[in-house]
Amino acid sequence: MSDTSIRISRALHRRLTVLGGKDYTIGEVIEMLLDDFTPAETETCPDCGADASVDDDGCIECENCGYTDCDEDIDNE
């Protein structure tokens, strides 16, 4: 079995264990798994050029240099 197959199998097992007996369609389970494996949205940090995450509010937050554009939005209100 390939490394990817093993990872998917383990993720499926964990997901089904968490579901605790509720009936889900295979499509719903696959969607949940895709959410588990889909990387978070990223943009390029304007300060250092590293990949920076984008949170649910659309704020850019860079773990490399600490840049965030959320503080700018609050200051402008």
N, C-alpha and C. Protein backbone atom coordinates (compact mmCIF):
# COMPACT_ATOMS: atom_id res chain seq x y z
N MET A 1 0.85 -1.17 0.00
CA MET A 1 0.00 0.00 0.00
C MET A 1 0.90 1.24 0.00
N SER A 2 0.59 2.23 -0.81
CA SER A 2 1.40 3.45 -0.88
C SER A 2 1.21 4.32 0.35
N ASP A 3 2.15 5.23 0.56
CA ASP A 3 2.08 6.15 1.70
C ASP A 3 0.78 6.97 1.65
N THR A 4 0.40 7.42 0.46
CA THR A 4 -0.83 8.20 0.31
C THR A 4 -2.05 7.36 0.66
N SER A 5 -2.07 6.12 0.21
CA SER A 5 -3.20 5.23 0.53
C SER A 5 -3.31 5.01 2.03
N ILE A 6 -2.17 4.85 2.68
CA ILE A 6 -2.18 4.65 4.13
C ILE A 6 -2.70 5.89 4.83
N ARG A 7 -2.25 7.08 4.41
CA ARG A 7 -2.72 8.33 5.01
C ARG A 7 -4.22 8.49 4.83
N ILE A 8 -4.71 8.20 3.64
CA ILE A 8 -6.14 8.34 3.38
C ILE A 8 -6.93 7.33 4.21
N SER A 9 -6.44 6.10 4.28
CA SER A 9 -7.11 5.07 5.06
C SER A 9 -7.18 5.46 6.53
N ARG A 10 -6.08 5.97 7.08
CA ARG A 10 -6.06 6.39 8.48
C ARG A 10 -7.00 7.58 8.70
N ALA A 11 -6.99 8.53 7.77
CA ALA A 11 -7.87 9.69 7.91
C ALA A 11 -9.33 9.27 7.85
N LEU A 12 -9.65 8.35 6.97
CA LEU A 12 -11.02 7.85 6.86
C LEU A 12 -11.42 7.14 8.16
N HIS A 13 -10.53 6.34 8.69
CA HIS A 13 -10.82 5.65 9.95
C HIS A 13 -11.05 6.65 11.08
N ARG A 14 -10.17 7.68 11.18
CA ARG A 14 -10.34 8.70 12.22
C ARG A 14 -11.66 9.43 12.04
N ARG A 15 -11.98 9.79 10.80
CA ARG A 15 -13.21 10.55 10.53
C ARG A 15 -14.42 9.72 10.89
N LEU A 16 -14.44 8.45 10.52
CA LEU A 16 -15.59 7.60 10.81
C LEU A 16 -15.71 7.36 12.31
N THR A 17 -14.60 7.27 13.02
CA THR A 17 -14.63 7.10 14.47
C THR A 17 -15.26 8.32 15.12
N VAL A 18 -14.91 9.50 14.64
CA VAL A 18 -15.44 10.74 15.19
C VAL A 18 -16.94 10.87 14.91
N LEU A 19 -17.38 10.36 13.77
CA LEU A 19 -18.79 10.50 13.39
C LEU A 19 -19.71 9.75 14.35
N GLY A 20 -19.20 8.72 14.99
CA GLY A 20 -19.92 8.05 16.06
C GLY A 20 -21.26 7.45 15.68
N GLY A 21 -21.34 6.80 14.57
CA GLY A 21 -22.54 6.05 14.24
C GLY A 21 -23.60 6.80 13.45
N LYS A 22 -23.45 8.10 13.24
CA LYS A 22 -24.43 8.81 12.45
C LYS A 22 -24.28 8.40 10.99
N ASP A 23 -25.38 8.24 10.29
CA ASP A 23 -25.33 7.83 8.89
C ASP A 23 -25.00 9.01 7.99
N TYR A 24 -23.91 8.89 7.26
CA TYR A 24 -23.50 9.88 6.28
C TYR A 24 -23.38 9.19 4.94
N THR A 25 -23.62 9.94 3.87
CA THR A 25 -23.39 9.39 2.54
C THR A 25 -21.89 9.37 2.29
N ILE A 26 -21.45 8.55 1.36
CA ILE A 26 -20.03 8.49 1.03
C ILE A 26 -19.56 9.86 0.52
N GLY A 27 -20.43 10.59 -0.16
CA GLY A 27 -20.09 11.92 -0.65
C GLY A 27 -19.81 12.89 0.50
N GLU A 28 -20.60 12.79 1.55
CA GLU A 28 -20.38 13.65 2.72
C GLU A 28 -19.06 13.32 3.40
N VAL A 29 -18.75 12.03 3.51
CA VAL A 29 -17.50 11.62 4.14
C VAL A 29 -16.31 12.08 3.28
N ILE A 30 -16.41 11.93 1.97
CA ILE A 30 -15.34 12.37 1.08
C ILE A 30 -15.14 13.88 1.19
N GLU A 31 -16.21 14.63 1.26
CA GLU A 31 -16.11 16.09 1.42
C GLU A 31 -15.40 16.45 2.72
N MET A 32 -15.72 15.74 3.80
CA MET A 32 -15.05 15.98 5.07
C MET A 32 -13.55 15.68 4.96
N LEU A 33 -13.21 14.58 4.29
CA LEU A 33 -11.81 14.21 4.12
C LEU A 33 -11.07 15.25 3.28
N LEU A 34 -11.71 15.74 2.24
CA LEU A 34 -11.08 16.77 1.42
C LEU A 34 -10.80 18.02 2.24
N ASP A 35 -11.72 18.38 3.12
CA ASP A 35 -11.49 19.52 4.00
C ASP A 35 -10.27 19.28 4.89
N ASP A 36 -10.08 18.03 5.34
CA ASP A 36 -8.94 17.69 6.18
C ASP A 36 -7.62 17.84 5.44
N PHE A 37 -7.61 17.56 4.13
CA PHE A 37 -6.37 17.54 3.35
C PHE A 37 -6.16 18.81 2.53
N THR A 38 -7.14 19.70 2.49
CA THR A 38 -7.01 20.92 1.71
C THR A 38 -6.23 21.94 2.51
N PRO A 39 -5.12 22.44 1.94
CA PRO A 39 -4.35 23.43 2.68
C PRO A 39 -5.12 24.73 2.84
N ALA A 40 -4.82 25.44 3.90
CA ALA A 40 -5.46 26.73 4.15
C ALA A 40 -5.07 27.70 3.04
N GLU A 41 -5.92 28.69 2.81
CA GLU A 41 -5.65 29.71 1.81
C GLU A 41 -4.41 30.50 2.22
N THR A 42 -3.54 30.76 1.27
CA THR A 42 -2.33 31.53 1.56
C THR A 42 -2.15 32.65 0.55
N GLU A 43 -1.42 33.67 0.97
CA GLU A 43 -0.99 34.77 0.11
C GLU A 43 0.47 35.04 0.42
N THR A 44 1.08 35.88 -0.36
CA THR A 44 2.46 36.26 -0.10
C THR A 44 2.49 37.44 0.85
N CYS A 45 3.30 37.32 1.89
CA CYS A 45 3.43 38.40 2.87
C CYS A 45 4.08 39.61 2.20
N PRO A 46 3.47 40.79 2.32
CA PRO A 46 4.04 41.98 1.69
C PRO A 46 5.33 42.45 2.38
N ASP A 47 5.59 42.01 3.62
CA ASP A 47 6.80 42.44 4.33
C ASP A 47 8.00 41.56 4.01
N CYS A 48 7.83 40.22 4.11
CA CYS A 48 8.99 39.34 3.96
C CYS A 48 8.92 38.42 2.75
N GLY A 49 7.76 38.32 2.10
CA GLY A 49 7.65 37.49 0.90
C GLY A 49 7.35 36.02 1.16
N ALA A 50 7.23 35.62 2.42
CA ALA A 50 6.90 34.23 2.76
C ALA A 50 5.41 33.97 2.55
N ASP A 51 5.04 32.70 2.53
CA ASP A 51 3.63 32.35 2.47
C ASP A 51 2.98 32.76 3.79
N ALA A 52 1.86 33.44 3.71
CA ALA A 52 1.13 33.88 4.89
C ALA A 52 -0.29 33.36 4.80
N SER A 53 -0.85 32.95 5.93
CA SER A 53 -2.20 32.41 5.93
C SER A 53 -3.23 33.53 5.90
N VAL A 54 -4.41 33.19 5.38
CA VAL A 54 -5.52 34.12 5.33
C VAL A 54 -6.61 33.53 6.21
N ASP A 55 -7.04 34.28 7.24
CA ASP A 55 -8.06 33.76 8.14
C ASP A 55 -9.46 33.96 7.59
N ASP A 56 -10.47 33.55 8.34
CA ASP A 56 -11.86 33.60 7.89
C ASP A 56 -12.35 35.01 7.61
N ASP A 57 -11.74 36.01 8.25
CA ASP A 57 -12.13 37.40 8.02
C ASP A 57 -11.36 38.03 6.86
N GLY A 58 -10.47 37.25 6.23
CA GLY A 58 -9.69 37.76 5.10
C GLY A 58 -8.41 38.47 5.51
N CYS A 59 -8.04 38.37 6.77
CA CYS A 59 -6.82 39.01 7.26
C CYS A 59 -5.61 38.14 6.93
N ILE A 60 -4.55 38.77 6.50
CA ILE A 60 -3.29 38.08 6.23
C ILE A 60 -2.49 38.05 7.52
N GLU A 61 -1.98 36.86 7.87
CA GLU A 61 -1.16 36.71 9.06
C GLU A 61 0.06 35.88 8.70
N CYS A 62 1.24 36.47 8.87
CA CYS A 62 2.49 35.80 8.52
C CYS A 62 3.17 35.26 9.78
N GLU A 63 3.39 33.95 9.81
CA GLU A 63 4.07 33.33 10.95
C GLU A 63 5.57 33.57 10.87
N ASN A 64 6.09 33.89 9.68
CA ASN A 64 7.52 34.09 9.51
C ASN A 64 8.00 35.39 10.17
N CYS A 65 7.29 36.51 9.89
CA CYS A 65 7.76 37.80 10.40
C CYS A 65 6.76 38.47 11.35
N GLY A 66 5.56 37.90 11.49
CA GLY A 66 4.57 38.46 12.40
C GLY A 66 3.66 39.51 11.78
N TYR A 67 3.80 39.76 10.47
CA TYR A 67 2.96 40.76 9.80
C TYR A 67 1.50 40.34 9.86
N THR A 68 0.62 41.30 10.06
CA THR A 68 -0.81 41.09 9.92
C THR A 68 -1.43 42.37 9.39
N ASP A 69 -2.41 42.23 8.52
CA ASP A 69 -3.09 43.43 8.02
C ASP A 69 -4.39 43.68 8.78
N CYS A 70 -4.72 42.84 9.75
CA CYS A 70 -5.95 43.04 10.54
C CYS A 70 -5.85 44.28 11.41
N ASP A 71 -4.67 44.52 11.98
CA ASP A 71 -4.48 45.70 12.83
C ASP A 71 -4.69 46.99 12.05
N GLU A 72 -4.29 46.98 10.77
CA GLU A 72 -4.48 48.18 9.93
C GLU A 72 -5.95 48.48 9.75
N ASP A 73 -6.77 47.43 9.55
CA ASP A 73 -8.21 47.63 9.36
C ASP A 73 -8.85 48.22 10.62
N ILE A 74 -8.40 47.75 11.79
CA ILE A 74 -8.96 48.24 13.05
C ILE A 74 -8.56 49.70 13.26
N ASP A 75 -7.31 50.05 12.94
CA ASP A 75 -6.83 51.42 13.12
C ASP A 75 -7.57 52.41 12.23
N ASN A 76 -8.05 51.95 11.06
CA ASN A 76 -8.70 52.84 10.10
C ASN A 76 -10.18 53.04 10.39
N GLU A 77 -10.73 52.32 11.35
CA GLU A 77 -12.17 52.44 11.63
C GLU A 77 -12.46 53.65 12.49
